[in-house]
Protein backbone atom coordinates (compact mmCIF):
# COMPACT_ATOMS: atom_id res chain seq x y z
CA LEU A 1 95.21 103.00 112.43
CA PHE A 2 94.56 103.89 108.79
CA ALA A 3 91.82 106.46 109.27
CA ARG A 4 90.94 109.27 111.62
CA ARG A 5 87.92 107.43 112.99
CA ARG A 6 87.92 104.16 114.83
CA PRO A 7 86.46 101.35 112.73
CA LEU A 8 82.99 100.06 113.47
CA PHE A 9 82.39 96.32 113.48
CA CYS A 10 79.26 94.27 112.90
CA SER A 11 80.26 91.71 115.52
CA ILE A 12 82.88 90.75 118.06
CA GLY A 13 84.12 88.14 115.58
CA CYS A 14 84.77 90.84 112.96
CA ARG A 15 86.57 92.99 115.53
CA ASP A 16 88.68 90.02 116.61
CA LYS A 17 89.64 89.24 112.99
CA TYR A 18 90.60 92.90 112.45
CA GLU A 19 92.76 92.77 115.57
CA GLN A 20 94.37 89.54 114.41
CA ILE A 21 95.31 91.16 111.10
CA PHE A 22 96.19 94.72 112.14
CA GLY A 23 96.52 94.76 115.94
CA SER A 24 100.31 94.43 115.99
CA LEU A 25 100.61 97.61 113.93
CA ARG A 26 99.69 99.56 117.07
CA ALA A 27 103.23 98.90 118.29
CA ASP A 28 104.27 102.00 116.33
CA VAL A 29 101.31 104.15 115.32
CA THR A 30 103.70 106.92 114.30
CA ALA A 31 105.27 104.66 111.66
CA VAL A 32 101.81 103.74 110.34
CA ARG A 33 100.88 107.43 110.13
CA ARG A 34 104.12 108.23 108.27
CA PHE A 35 103.30 105.48 105.81
CA VAL A 36 99.73 106.74 105.27
CA GLN A 37 100.89 110.36 104.96
CA HIS A 38 103.36 109.31 102.26
CA ALA A 39 100.56 107.54 100.37
CA LYS A 40 98.42 110.68 100.60
CA ARG A 41 101.27 112.92 99.41
CA CYS A 42 101.73 110.61 96.43
CA SER A 43 97.96 110.45 95.84
CA CYS A 44 98.30 106.68 95.83
CA SER A 45 95.79 104.78 97.95
CA PHE A 46 97.26 101.63 96.39
CA TYR A 47 100.15 101.79 98.89
CA VAL A 48 97.76 101.54 101.85
CA LEU A 49 95.78 98.77 100.19
CA ALA A 50 99.01 96.87 99.46
CA LEU A 51 100.12 97.13 103.09
CA LYS A 52 96.72 95.93 104.27
CA LEU A 53 96.91 92.99 101.87
CA ILE A 54 100.39 92.09 103.13
CA CYS A 55 99.08 92.19 106.73
CA TRP A 56 96.12 89.99 105.78
CA ALA A 57 98.33 87.48 103.97
CA LEU A 58 100.76 87.34 106.91
CA SER A 59 97.88 86.75 109.29
CA GLU A 60 96.45 83.95 107.14
CA ALA A 61 99.85 82.27 106.84
CA ARG A 62 100.89 82.66 110.49
CA THR A 63 97.61 81.41 111.92
CA GLY A 64 97.64 78.42 109.58
CA MET A 65 94.38 79.50 107.92
CA LYS A 66 96.18 79.20 104.59
CA SER A 67 99.50 77.82 103.45
CA ASN A 68 102.22 80.36 102.75
CA ASP A 69 101.70 79.89 99.00
CA ASP A 70 97.92 80.26 99.18
CA ALA A 71 98.15 83.32 101.42
CA ALA A 72 100.65 84.92 99.04
CA ALA A 73 98.59 84.23 95.89
CA PRO A 74 96.84 87.63 95.79
CA LEU A 75 100.16 89.40 96.29
CA ARG A 76 101.78 87.40 93.51
CA ALA A 77 98.92 88.29 91.18
CA LEU A 78 99.46 91.99 91.89
CA HIS A 79 103.21 91.74 91.41
CA ARG A 80 103.12 90.39 87.87
CA ARG A 81 103.87 93.84 86.46
CA LEU A 82 105.88 96.67 87.94
CA TYR A 83 103.62 99.41 89.27
CA TRP A 84 105.21 102.16 87.15
CA ASP A 85 104.75 100.05 84.03
CA ALA A 86 101.14 99.15 84.83
CA VAL A 87 99.71 102.67 85.18
CA ASP A 88 98.68 105.01 82.38
CA ASN A 89 101.44 107.26 81.17
CA SER A 90 102.03 110.05 78.69
CA GLU A 91 102.62 109.53 74.99
CA ASP A 92 105.49 112.03 75.22
CA ALA A 93 108.73 110.09 75.83
CA GLU A 94 110.33 112.70 78.11
CA VAL A 95 107.20 113.13 80.24
CA ARG A 96 106.76 109.34 80.38
CA LYS A 97 110.36 108.87 81.54
CA SER A 98 110.00 111.54 84.23
CA HIS A 99 106.68 110.13 85.44
CA ARG A 100 108.08 106.61 85.56
CA LEU A 101 111.09 107.75 87.61
CA ARG A 102 108.85 109.65 90.05
CA LEU A 103 106.69 106.55 90.54
CA GLN A 104 109.78 104.40 91.13
CA LEU A 105 111.07 106.81 93.79
CA GLU A 106 107.67 107.03 95.48
CA ALA A 107 107.30 103.25 95.51
CA GLU A 108 110.77 102.81 97.00
CA GLU A 109 109.95 105.26 99.79
CA SER A 110 106.67 103.41 100.36
CA ARG A 111 108.57 100.12 100.57
CA LYS A 112 110.97 101.48 103.19
CA LEU A 113 108.11 102.90 105.26
CA ALA A 114 106.20 99.61 104.99
CA LEU A 115 109.24 97.73 106.26
CA GLN A 116 109.42 100.06 109.28
CA VAL A 117 105.73 99.51 110.03
CA LEU A 118 105.98 95.74 109.77
CA GLU A 119 109.27 95.49 111.64
CA ASN A 120 108.03 97.64 114.52
CA GLY A 121 104.89 95.50 114.64
CA SER A 122 107.03 92.33 114.91
CA MET A 123 105.64 91.08 111.59
CA LEU A 124 109.01 90.42 109.98
CA PRO A 125 110.62 88.37 108.62
CA LEU A 126 108.22 87.44 105.87
CA PRO A 127 107.80 83.75 105.08
CA ILE A 128 110.43 82.19 102.82
CA GLY A 129 109.79 82.98 99.17
CA TRP A 130 107.82 86.15 99.84
CA ASP A 131 109.86 88.76 97.99
CA PHE A 132 107.18 91.45 98.17
CA LEU A 133 109.27 93.85 100.23
CA THR A 134 112.58 93.61 98.43
CA SER A 135 113.55 96.58 96.28
CA GLU A 136 112.90 94.43 93.20
CA GLY A 137 109.68 92.86 94.49
CA TYR A 138 107.82 95.86 95.89
CA ALA A 139 106.35 97.43 92.83
């Protein structure tokens, strides 16, 4: 789904866990590819990692492996600071402002594409209290 090659697994158990986490994304491979292409255009592998982490957390919460709060803990840790405020930026105020705006626009597009992927994979709605895909939370 996320790469050109099919993943290799060390065991059937690993393959089954992968399917549990990401299998529903096959419902709309085109949406997944659009999402990944956007991340590549933005040179931001973080978007793909964030989507994978959301899928993992959803899987953990929905299967009862973890409580909603425990499953969301890694996401909450990542969402303490806005993405565009957490990355290195220029000392020049005008360049910094332009860079920050570009990152905000790219993140918003990533958020919309992630919602399409998750919705088409029947992974929405998110558990109550998970604000990771709101326009204010996805950063």
